[in-house]
Amino acid sequence: MIAYLRAVRRYAKDDGASAVEYGLLVAAIAAVIVVIVFALGGLVRDKFQSTCNAIDTGGTNTATAQQGNC
């Protein structure tokens, strides 16, 4: 029996990645994307808000600018 297992093992080739490894790779990439979105989300929101405020006030950037419909 041991000789049979050794023979089978000798001919079995483990080439390429399995579905589990691809799944882990996709999960890792998704985690990196989520971290980047959360890290840059506030920065992007602030830039869009300042642009919206500048449009609402006619291009002047004053502290008394009212919040528009952006």
N, C-alpha and C. Protein backbone atom coordinates (compact mmCIF):
# COMPACT_ATOMS: atom_id res chain seq x y z
N MET A 1 0.83 -1.19 0.00
CA MET A 1 0.00 0.00 0.00
C MET A 1 0.87 1.26 0.00
N ILE A 2 1.95 1.25 0.78
CA ILE A 2 2.84 2.40 0.83
C ILE A 2 3.51 2.60 -0.52
N ALA A 3 3.87 1.52 -1.18
CA ALA A 3 4.49 1.62 -2.50
C ALA A 3 3.51 2.24 -3.50
N TYR A 4 2.24 1.88 -3.40
CA TYR A 4 1.22 2.44 -4.29
C TYR A 4 1.06 3.95 -4.05
N LEU A 5 1.02 4.35 -2.79
CA LEU A 5 0.89 5.77 -2.48
C LEU A 5 2.10 6.57 -2.97
N ARG A 6 3.28 5.99 -2.85
CA ARG A 6 4.47 6.67 -3.35
C ARG A 6 4.44 6.79 -4.86
N ALA A 7 3.95 5.77 -5.54
CA ALA A 7 3.85 5.82 -6.99
C ALA A 7 2.83 6.87 -7.44
N VAL A 8 1.71 6.92 -6.76
CA VAL A 8 0.70 7.91 -7.10
C VAL A 8 1.23 9.32 -6.83
N ARG A 9 1.92 9.45 -5.74
CA ARG A 9 2.47 10.76 -5.37
C ARG A 9 3.53 11.22 -6.38
N ARG A 10 4.27 10.30 -6.90
CA ARG A 10 5.32 10.61 -7.86
C ARG A 10 4.73 11.14 -9.17
N TYR A 11 3.60 10.58 -9.57
CA TYR A 11 2.99 11.00 -10.84
C TYR A 11 2.03 12.19 -10.69
N ALA A 12 1.62 12.46 -9.50
CA ALA A 12 0.72 13.60 -9.27
C ALA A 12 1.53 14.87 -9.31
N LYS A 13 1.09 15.77 -10.13
CA LYS A 13 1.80 17.05 -10.24
C LYS A 13 0.89 18.14 -9.71
N ASP A 14 1.45 18.99 -8.90
CA ASP A 14 0.70 20.09 -8.30
C ASP A 14 1.11 21.38 -8.99
N ASP A 15 0.62 21.55 -10.20
CA ASP A 15 0.95 22.73 -10.98
C ASP A 15 -0.18 23.73 -10.90
N GLY A 16 0.17 24.98 -10.81
CA GLY A 16 -0.83 26.04 -10.83
C GLY A 16 -1.46 26.27 -9.48
N ALA A 17 -2.31 27.28 -9.45
CA ALA A 17 -2.98 27.65 -8.21
C ALA A 17 -4.37 27.02 -8.17
N SER A 18 -4.81 26.74 -6.98
CA SER A 18 -6.14 26.18 -6.81
C SER A 18 -7.16 27.30 -6.64
N ALA A 19 -8.42 26.95 -6.63
CA ALA A 19 -9.48 27.94 -6.47
C ALA A 19 -9.38 28.64 -5.12
N VAL A 20 -8.94 27.93 -4.11
CA VAL A 20 -8.80 28.53 -2.78
C VAL A 20 -7.73 29.63 -2.81
N GLU A 21 -6.65 29.38 -3.48
CA GLU A 21 -5.59 30.38 -3.56
C GLU A 21 -6.04 31.60 -4.35
N TYR A 22 -6.79 31.38 -5.42
CA TYR A 22 -7.34 32.51 -6.17
C TYR A 22 -8.34 33.28 -5.31
N GLY A 23 -9.13 32.59 -4.54
CA GLY A 23 -10.08 33.25 -3.65
C GLY A 23 -9.39 34.11 -2.62
N LEU A 24 -8.32 33.61 -2.04
CA LEU A 24 -7.55 34.39 -1.07
C LEU A 24 -6.92 35.62 -1.73
N LEU A 25 -6.45 35.47 -2.95
CA LEU A 25 -5.87 36.59 -3.67
C LEU A 25 -6.92 37.67 -3.93
N VAL A 26 -8.11 37.27 -4.35
CA VAL A 26 -9.19 38.23 -4.60
C VAL A 26 -9.60 38.92 -3.30
N ALA A 27 -9.67 38.17 -2.21
CA ALA A 27 -10.04 38.77 -0.92
C ALA A 27 -8.99 39.78 -0.46
N ALA A 28 -7.73 39.49 -0.68
CA ALA A 28 -6.66 40.42 -0.29
C ALA A 28 -6.73 41.70 -1.13
N ILE A 29 -6.98 41.56 -2.41
CA ILE A 29 -7.09 42.74 -3.28
C ILE A 29 -8.29 43.58 -2.86
N ALA A 30 -9.41 42.93 -2.55
CA ALA A 30 -10.61 43.66 -2.12
C ALA A 30 -10.35 44.40 -0.81
N ALA A 31 -9.62 43.78 0.11
CA ALA A 31 -9.30 44.43 1.38
C ALA A 31 -8.44 45.67 1.16
N VAL A 32 -7.49 45.59 0.26
CA VAL A 32 -6.63 46.74 -0.04
C VAL A 32 -7.46 47.88 -0.65
N ILE A 33 -8.38 47.53 -1.54
CA ILE A 33 -9.24 48.55 -2.15
C ILE A 33 -10.10 49.24 -1.10
N VAL A 34 -10.66 48.47 -0.17
CA VAL A 34 -11.49 49.05 0.89
C VAL A 34 -10.67 50.00 1.76
N VAL A 35 -9.47 49.61 2.11
CA VAL A 35 -8.62 50.48 2.93
C VAL A 35 -8.30 51.78 2.19
N ILE A 36 -8.00 51.69 0.91
CA ILE A 36 -7.69 52.89 0.13
C ILE A 36 -8.90 53.81 0.04
N VAL A 37 -10.08 53.24 -0.19
CA VAL A 37 -11.29 54.05 -0.31
C VAL A 37 -11.58 54.77 1.01
N PHE A 38 -11.45 54.06 2.12
CA PHE A 38 -11.69 54.72 3.41
C PHE A 38 -10.62 55.76 3.72
N ALA A 39 -9.39 55.51 3.32
CA ALA A 39 -8.31 56.47 3.60
C ALA A 39 -8.47 57.74 2.77
N LEU A 40 -8.88 57.61 1.52
CA LEU A 40 -8.97 58.77 0.65
C LEU A 40 -10.38 59.35 0.57
N GLY A 41 -11.35 58.69 1.16
CA GLY A 41 -12.74 59.13 1.06
C GLY A 41 -12.97 60.51 1.62
N GLY A 42 -12.43 60.78 2.78
CA GLY A 42 -12.60 62.10 3.41
C GLY A 42 -11.94 63.20 2.60
N LEU A 43 -10.78 62.93 2.07
CA LEU A 43 -10.07 63.91 1.26
C LEU A 43 -10.86 64.27 0.01
N VAL A 44 -11.37 63.26 -0.66
CA VAL A 44 -12.15 63.49 -1.88
C VAL A 44 -13.44 64.23 -1.55
N ARG A 45 -14.12 63.85 -0.46
CA ARG A 45 -15.35 64.53 -0.07
C ARG A 45 -15.10 66.00 0.21
N ASP A 46 -14.01 66.31 0.91
CA ASP A 46 -13.68 67.70 1.21
C ASP A 46 -13.40 68.51 -0.06
N LYS A 47 -12.71 67.91 -1.01
CA LYS A 47 -12.42 68.62 -2.27
C LYS A 47 -13.71 68.91 -3.03
N PHE A 48 -14.62 67.93 -3.10
CA PHE A 48 -15.88 68.16 -3.79
C PHE A 48 -16.73 69.20 -3.06
N GLN A 49 -16.70 69.18 -1.75
CA GLN A 49 -17.48 70.15 -0.98
C GLN A 49 -16.94 71.55 -1.18
N SER A 50 -15.63 71.73 -1.19
CA SER A 50 -15.07 73.06 -1.41
C SER A 50 -15.36 73.54 -2.82
N THR A 51 -15.35 72.65 -3.79
CA THR A 51 -15.72 73.02 -5.16
C THR A 51 -17.18 73.44 -5.23
N CYS A 52 -18.04 72.69 -4.57
CA CYS A 52 -19.46 73.01 -4.54
C CYS A 52 -19.70 74.36 -3.89
N ASN A 53 -19.03 74.63 -2.80
CA ASN A 53 -19.18 75.91 -2.11
C ASN A 53 -18.70 77.06 -2.98
N ALA A 54 -17.61 76.85 -3.73
CA ALA A 54 -17.09 77.90 -4.61
C ALA A 54 -18.07 78.19 -5.73
N ILE A 55 -18.72 77.17 -6.24
CA ILE A 55 -19.71 77.37 -7.30
C ILE A 55 -20.92 78.12 -6.76
N ASP A 56 -21.37 77.75 -5.56
CA ASP A 56 -22.54 78.39 -4.97
C ASP A 56 -22.31 79.87 -4.67
N THR A 57 -21.09 80.23 -4.29
CA THR A 57 -20.80 81.62 -3.93
C THR A 57 -20.32 82.43 -5.12
N GLY A 58 -20.32 81.88 -6.29
CA GLY A 58 -19.89 82.60 -7.48
C GLY A 58 -18.39 82.70 -7.62
N GLY A 59 -17.67 81.80 -7.04
CA GLY A 59 -16.22 81.78 -7.20
C GLY A 59 -15.46 82.38 -6.05
N THR A 60 -16.13 83.08 -5.15
CA THR A 60 -15.43 83.63 -4.00
C THR A 60 -15.47 82.62 -2.88
N ASN A 61 -14.39 82.45 -2.22
CA ASN A 61 -14.28 81.47 -1.15
C ASN A 61 -14.34 82.21 0.19
N THR A 62 -15.54 82.42 0.70
CA THR A 62 -15.69 83.13 1.97
C THR A 62 -16.16 82.18 3.04
N ALA A 63 -15.90 82.55 4.28
CA ALA A 63 -16.30 81.69 5.40
C ALA A 63 -17.79 81.76 5.65
N THR A 64 -18.47 82.80 5.11
CA THR A 64 -19.91 82.95 5.33
C THR A 64 -20.73 82.35 4.22
N ALA A 65 -20.09 81.55 3.36
CA ALA A 65 -20.82 80.93 2.25
C ALA A 65 -21.87 79.97 2.78
N GLN A 66 -23.05 80.05 2.20
CA GLN A 66 -24.12 79.16 2.62
C GLN A 66 -23.99 77.83 1.90
N GLN A 67 -24.48 76.80 2.56
CA GLN A 67 -24.46 75.48 1.95
C GLN A 67 -25.51 75.44 0.85
N GLY A 68 -25.11 75.02 -0.33
CA GLY A 68 -26.02 74.96 -1.45
C GLY A 68 -26.68 73.61 -1.57
N ASN A 69 -27.13 73.32 -2.75
CA ASN A 69 -27.83 72.07 -3.02
C ASN A 69 -26.91 71.01 -3.61
N CYS A 70 -25.64 71.08 -3.38
CA CYS A 70 -24.70 70.12 -3.94
C CYS A 70 -24.82 68.77 -3.26
